[in-house]
Amino acid sequence: MVQRLPVSDQLSLLHDPSRGEGKTAGMAKGLFLCYENEVYAGESAGFGLPVWKTARQTFFPTLVTARWLERNVFEKIYRLDRLVRWYLLGIRMPLFFSAALEKLTRVYMQRPERQQFLLKVRNVMVVLLRMESAMMAGGSQGDCRVTYETEPGKLMVTVDGRWLQGKGDLILLNEVAGLPFSRLRIGRIIQEGENIPAWRPCPFATILENPATGIEFSISPADPHVPYPWRLAAGREVGHGLNWAGLELTPDRQFFSYEVHFLLETSV
């Protein structure tokens, strides 16, 4: 059942388990941004979705429970127990293949200036090798509780990942469909469309924008005095089986809160 948390008269955030496409179809999602009757889901993870990145694998969530706590407060408990498995020419690859791709992804993330070229190469390889991916059970790494609270123009996300096991980075994804959100602002720097890298470190004042509607969003720590080992990255990927843009937060702890700020420029 779809649940709606209002952000403004025209903007809301949806809990909608039925949505999903591409490789994210087999995992749980956060909250999707909705403008009037248009939902900006695409292939994105939505807002406030936890993933658990270890030295060898990235674990994605399934949904354990979802419930209202108050009128504008919604809680989800996620279990980090899904891995991406790859198929080449219809043959399922062993897990070490996914681990090798994880290492290549780290190299890819360190080359923002080459990412769009590498993304085009990736799109060709996907077609030639009939590369497909699917989420498969990977062994539970523990649960993560996320509470979502909306008020005018803002989403507060409170994350409790203290049940997660072993060593890893808890990462919170905040994503929308990539096709309409095609402008990235970092201070005076503006990047459009294919000029936006798939992943680049950025400050908390970074803004992602939908130029057609004037919708934009940014994120910040709930506590403005938080020490800054917290890391933020922005990115966008639109291609074969890819359609997302977002801001990725990696804090230095497993219990924390942050805010997503929404603005709708009605003059657009």
Protein backbone atom coordinates (compact mmCIF):
# COMPACT_ATOMS: atom_id res chain seq x y z
CA MET A 1 0.00 0.00 0.00
CA VAL A 2 1.27 3.47 -0.92
CA GLN A 3 1.85 5.86 2.00
CA ARG A 4 2.33 9.60 1.50
CA LEU A 5 4.28 12.08 3.64
CA PRO A 6 3.59 15.71 2.65
CA VAL A 7 6.44 18.18 2.16
CA SER A 8 4.45 21.06 0.63
CA ASP A 9 1.20 21.63 -1.26
CA GLN A 10 2.77 20.14 -4.42
CA LEU A 11 5.60 17.95 -3.11
CA SER A 12 5.36 14.75 -1.12
CA LEU A 13 7.39 11.63 -0.38
CA LEU A 14 5.95 8.18 -1.07
CA HIS A 15 6.49 4.76 0.44
CA ASP A 16 5.63 2.62 -2.56
CA PRO A 17 7.04 -0.95 -2.51
CA SER A 18 5.60 -1.68 -5.96
CA ARG A 19 8.02 0.61 -7.81
CA GLY A 20 11.39 -0.45 -9.13
CA GLU A 21 13.32 -0.97 -12.34
CA GLY A 22 16.74 -2.13 -13.42
CA LYS A 23 19.09 -3.72 -10.92
CA THR A 24 17.32 -1.99 -7.98
CA ALA A 25 14.05 -3.82 -8.66
CA GLY A 26 14.98 -6.66 -6.31
CA MET A 27 15.66 -4.56 -3.21
CA ALA A 28 13.78 -2.32 -0.82
CA LYS A 29 13.55 1.41 -1.53
CA GLY A 30 13.49 4.57 0.54
CA LEU A 31 10.89 7.30 -0.07
CA PHE A 32 10.22 8.52 -3.61
CA LEU A 33 9.80 12.20 -4.44
CA CYS A 34 6.41 13.07 -5.93
CA TYR A 35 5.46 16.38 -7.60
CA GLU A 36 1.69 16.66 -7.94
CA ASN A 37 0.97 13.29 -9.64
CA GLU A 38 4.43 12.60 -11.07
CA VAL A 39 6.70 10.23 -9.12
CA TYR A 40 10.44 10.65 -9.71
CA ALA A 41 11.40 7.05 -9.05
CA GLY A 42 13.20 5.84 -12.18
CA GLU A 43 15.86 3.31 -11.26
CA SER A 44 16.66 5.22 -8.07
CA ALA A 45 16.85 4.01 -4.47
CA GLY A 46 14.71 6.90 -3.18
CA PHE A 47 15.54 8.99 -0.12
CA GLY A 48 17.00 7.60 3.07
CA LEU A 49 17.94 4.10 1.92
CA PRO A 50 20.79 2.37 3.81
CA VAL A 51 23.41 0.17 2.20
CA TRP A 52 26.31 -1.57 3.96
CA LYS A 53 29.67 -1.58 2.15
CA THR A 54 32.33 -3.98 3.38
CA ALA A 55 35.83 -4.45 2.01
CA ARG A 56 34.57 -7.04 -0.50
CA GLN A 57 30.82 -6.54 -1.07
CA THR A 58 27.99 -4.03 -0.95
CA PHE A 59 24.88 -5.30 0.83
CA PHE A 60 21.49 -3.87 -0.17
CA PRO A 61 18.30 -4.01 1.92
CA THR A 62 15.06 -5.89 2.03
CA LEU A 63 12.14 -4.40 3.94
CA VAL A 64 11.26 -6.00 7.28
CA THR A 65 8.53 -3.64 8.55
CA ALA A 66 7.01 -0.27 7.64
CA ARG A 67 4.62 1.63 9.93
CA TRP A 68 3.37 5.06 10.94
CA LEU A 69 4.63 6.38 14.28
CA GLU A 70 2.83 9.74 14.06
CA ARG A 71 0.95 11.66 11.37
CA ASN A 72 4.12 12.80 9.58
CA VAL A 73 6.53 10.22 11.00
CA PHE A 74 7.10 6.91 9.21
CA GLU A 75 9.47 4.12 10.23
CA LYS A 76 11.07 1.36 8.19
CA ILE A 77 13.28 -1.47 9.36
CA TYR A 78 15.61 -2.79 6.68
CA ARG A 79 17.64 -5.99 6.64
CA LEU A 80 20.96 -5.69 4.80
CA ASP A 81 20.99 -9.08 3.08
CA ARG A 82 21.01 -8.63 -0.70
CA LEU A 83 23.92 -8.80 -3.14
CA VAL A 84 24.12 -8.02 -6.84
CA ARG A 85 24.74 -11.14 -8.94
CA TRP A 86 25.78 -10.74 -12.56
CA TYR A 87 24.93 -12.77 -15.66
CA LEU A 88 27.04 -12.76 -18.84
CA LEU A 89 25.60 -14.33 -22.00
CA GLY A 90 22.90 -15.84 -19.79
CA ILE A 91 25.40 -17.52 -17.44
CA ARG A 92 25.39 -16.60 -13.75
CA MET A 93 28.80 -15.40 -12.62
CA PRO A 94 30.27 -16.52 -9.26
CA LEU A 95 30.38 -14.07 -6.34
CA PHE A 96 34.08 -13.34 -6.88
CA PHE A 97 33.09 -11.72 -10.19
CA SER A 98 30.89 -9.26 -8.26
CA ALA A 99 33.76 -8.67 -5.82
CA ALA A 100 36.06 -7.88 -8.75
CA LEU A 101 33.51 -5.42 -10.13
CA GLU A 102 33.43 -3.76 -6.68
CA LYS A 103 37.16 -3.09 -7.00
CA LEU A 104 36.69 -1.71 -10.52
CA THR A 105 33.90 0.51 -9.20
CA ARG A 106 36.28 2.01 -6.63
CA VAL A 107 38.73 2.86 -9.42
CA TYR A 108 35.84 4.29 -11.48
CA MET A 109 34.76 6.51 -8.55
CA GLN A 110 38.26 7.96 -8.31
CA ARG A 111 38.15 9.20 -11.93
CA PRO A 112 35.25 11.70 -12.14
CA GLU A 113 36.69 13.27 -15.30
CA ARG A 114 36.52 9.91 -17.14
CA GLN A 115 33.25 8.56 -15.77
CA GLN A 116 30.96 9.60 -18.61
CA PHE A 117 33.31 8.03 -21.18
CA LEU A 118 33.56 4.86 -19.08
CA LEU A 119 29.77 4.81 -18.72
CA LYS A 120 29.44 4.77 -22.53
CA VAL A 121 31.93 1.90 -22.71
CA ARG A 122 29.92 0.10 -20.05
CA ASN A 123 26.69 0.56 -22.04
CA VAL A 124 28.32 -1.06 -25.11
CA MET A 125 29.69 -3.96 -23.05
CA VAL A 126 26.27 -4.57 -21.46
CA VAL A 127 24.75 -5.05 -24.91
CA LEU A 128 27.60 -7.09 -26.43
CA LEU A 129 27.97 -9.44 -23.45
CA ARG A 130 24.25 -9.45 -22.61
CA MET A 131 25.19 -8.37 -19.09
CA GLU A 132 22.32 -8.49 -16.63
CA SER A 133 22.17 -8.16 -12.87
CA ALA A 134 19.77 -9.30 -10.18
CA MET A 135 19.54 -9.01 -6.42
CA MET A 136 20.17 -12.31 -4.66
CA ALA A 137 20.21 -13.39 -1.01
CA GLY A 138 23.66 -12.78 0.40
CA GLY A 139 23.45 -13.54 4.12
CA SER A 140 22.12 -11.02 6.62
CA GLN A 141 24.53 -8.38 7.90
CA GLY A 142 21.96 -7.15 10.43
CA ASP A 143 19.10 -4.66 10.56
CA CYS A 144 18.92 -0.89 10.21
CA ARG A 145 16.04 1.24 11.49
CA VAL A 146 15.27 4.46 9.60
CA THR A 147 12.70 7.03 10.73
CA TYR A 148 11.37 9.62 8.27
CA GLU A 149 9.74 12.81 9.52
CA THR A 150 8.46 15.55 7.22
CA GLU A 151 7.67 19.19 7.81
CA PRO A 152 7.28 22.06 5.33
CA GLY A 153 10.17 21.91 2.86
CA LYS A 154 12.14 19.29 4.76
CA LEU A 155 12.64 15.59 5.48
CA MET A 156 14.42 14.54 8.67
CA VAL A 157 16.06 11.10 8.43
CA THR A 158 17.15 9.34 11.63
CA VAL A 159 19.24 6.21 11.16
CA ASP A 160 20.03 3.49 13.69
CA GLY A 161 22.41 0.91 12.28
CA ARG A 162 23.83 -0.35 15.56
CA TRP A 163 22.59 -3.88 14.78
CA LEU A 164 24.83 -4.17 11.72
CA GLN A 165 27.59 -6.74 12.00
CA GLY A 166 31.28 -6.63 11.24
CA LYS A 167 33.31 -3.81 9.71
CA GLY A 168 31.88 -1.65 6.97
CA ASP A 169 30.59 1.76 5.93
CA LEU A 170 26.91 2.58 6.43
CA ILE A 171 25.87 4.69 3.43
CA LEU A 172 22.57 6.53 2.98
CA LEU A 173 21.34 6.95 -0.58
CA ASN A 174 19.14 9.92 -1.52
CA GLU A 175 18.15 9.49 -5.14
CA VAL A 176 15.61 10.52 -7.76
CA ALA A 177 15.11 9.66 -11.43
CA GLY A 178 18.15 10.83 -13.36
CA LEU A 179 16.55 11.97 -16.62
CA PRO A 180 14.59 14.93 -15.17
CA PHE A 181 17.19 15.83 -12.51
CA SER A 182 19.90 16.96 -14.88
CA ARG A 183 21.53 19.94 -13.14
CA LEU A 184 24.12 19.87 -10.34
CA ARG A 185 25.13 23.02 -8.46
CA ILE A 186 28.25 23.12 -6.30
CA GLY A 187 28.73 26.73 -5.28
CA ARG A 188 29.26 28.67 -8.49
CA ILE A 189 29.95 25.49 -10.48
CA ILE A 190 27.01 24.26 -12.55
CA GLN A 191 27.11 20.93 -14.38
CA GLU A 192 24.41 19.81 -16.79
CA GLY A 193 23.33 16.43 -18.12
CA GLU A 194 26.22 14.24 -19.27
CA ASN A 195 28.71 16.64 -17.69
CA ILE A 196 27.61 15.45 -14.26
CA PRO A 197 29.96 12.66 -13.15
CA ALA A 198 28.62 9.40 -11.78
CA TRP A 199 30.31 10.07 -8.44
CA ARG A 200 32.21 13.06 -7.06
CA PRO A 201 32.88 14.29 -3.52
CA CYS A 202 31.00 17.48 -2.74
CA PRO A 203 30.13 19.85 0.15
CA PHE A 204 26.81 19.89 1.96
CA ALA A 205 25.64 22.98 0.04
CA THR A 206 25.46 20.90 -3.18
CA ILE A 207 22.09 21.04 -4.99
CA LEU A 208 20.49 18.67 -7.48
CA GLU A 209 17.83 20.28 -9.66
CA ASN A 210 15.09 19.46 -12.13
CA PRO A 211 15.34 22.42 -14.57
CA ALA A 212 11.90 21.83 -16.09
CA THR A 213 9.98 22.15 -12.81
CA GLY A 214 12.40 24.10 -10.60
CA ILE A 215 12.47 21.34 -7.97
CA GLU A 216 15.78 21.11 -6.15
CA PHE A 217 17.12 19.37 -3.08
CA SER A 218 20.19 19.31 -0.86
CA ILE A 219 21.15 17.56 2.38
CA SER A 220 22.85 18.58 5.62
CA PRO A 221 23.61 17.07 9.03
CA ALA A 222 20.78 17.60 11.53
CA ASP A 223 23.38 18.96 13.96
CA PRO A 224 25.23 21.86 12.29
CA HIS A 225 28.15 21.35 14.70
CA VAL A 226 28.76 17.73 13.67
CA PRO A 227 32.45 16.99 13.08
CA TYR A 228 33.23 16.52 9.39
CA PRO A 229 34.59 13.05 8.85
CA TRP A 230 31.11 12.80 7.27
CA ARG A 231 31.47 12.41 3.52
CA LEU A 232 29.04 13.49 0.82
CA ALA A 233 29.11 12.59 -2.87
CA ALA A 234 26.91 13.61 -5.79
CA GLY A 235 26.30 11.67 -8.97
CA ARG A 236 24.09 10.85 -11.93
CA GLU A 237 23.95 7.83 -14.25
CA VAL A 238 21.61 7.60 -17.23
CA GLY A 239 22.21 4.72 -19.60
CA HIS A 240 21.30 1.12 -20.34
CA GLY A 241 19.39 0.03 -17.22
CA LEU A 242 20.46 3.18 -15.35
CA ASN A 243 18.33 6.20 -14.47
CA TRP A 244 19.25 7.90 -11.20
CA ALA A 245 20.74 11.06 -9.74
CA GLY A 246 21.42 11.66 -6.10
CA LEU A 247 23.46 12.52 -3.04
CA GLU A 248 25.21 9.79 -1.05
CA LEU A 249 26.04 10.34 2.62
CA THR A 250 28.69 8.34 4.48
CA PRO A 251 28.84 9.37 8.16
CA ASP A 252 31.40 8.29 10.73
CA ARG A 253 28.87 6.55 12.98
CA GLN A 254 25.92 4.17 12.92
CA PHE A 255 23.38 6.30 14.81
CA PHE A 256 22.79 9.76 13.32
CA SER A 257 20.30 12.17 11.74
CA TYR A 258 20.38 14.33 8.65
CA GLU A 259 18.00 16.58 6.74
CA VAL A 260 16.91 16.74 3.11
CA HIS A 261 15.85 20.25 2.07
CA PHE A 262 13.41 20.67 -0.83
CA LEU A 263 12.69 23.84 -2.79
CA LEU A 264 10.24 24.39 -5.63
CA GLU A 265 10.99 27.47 -7.71
CA THR A 266 7.49 28.35 -8.88
CA SER A 267 8.76 30.97 -11.31
CA VAL A 268 10.24 28.27 -13.58
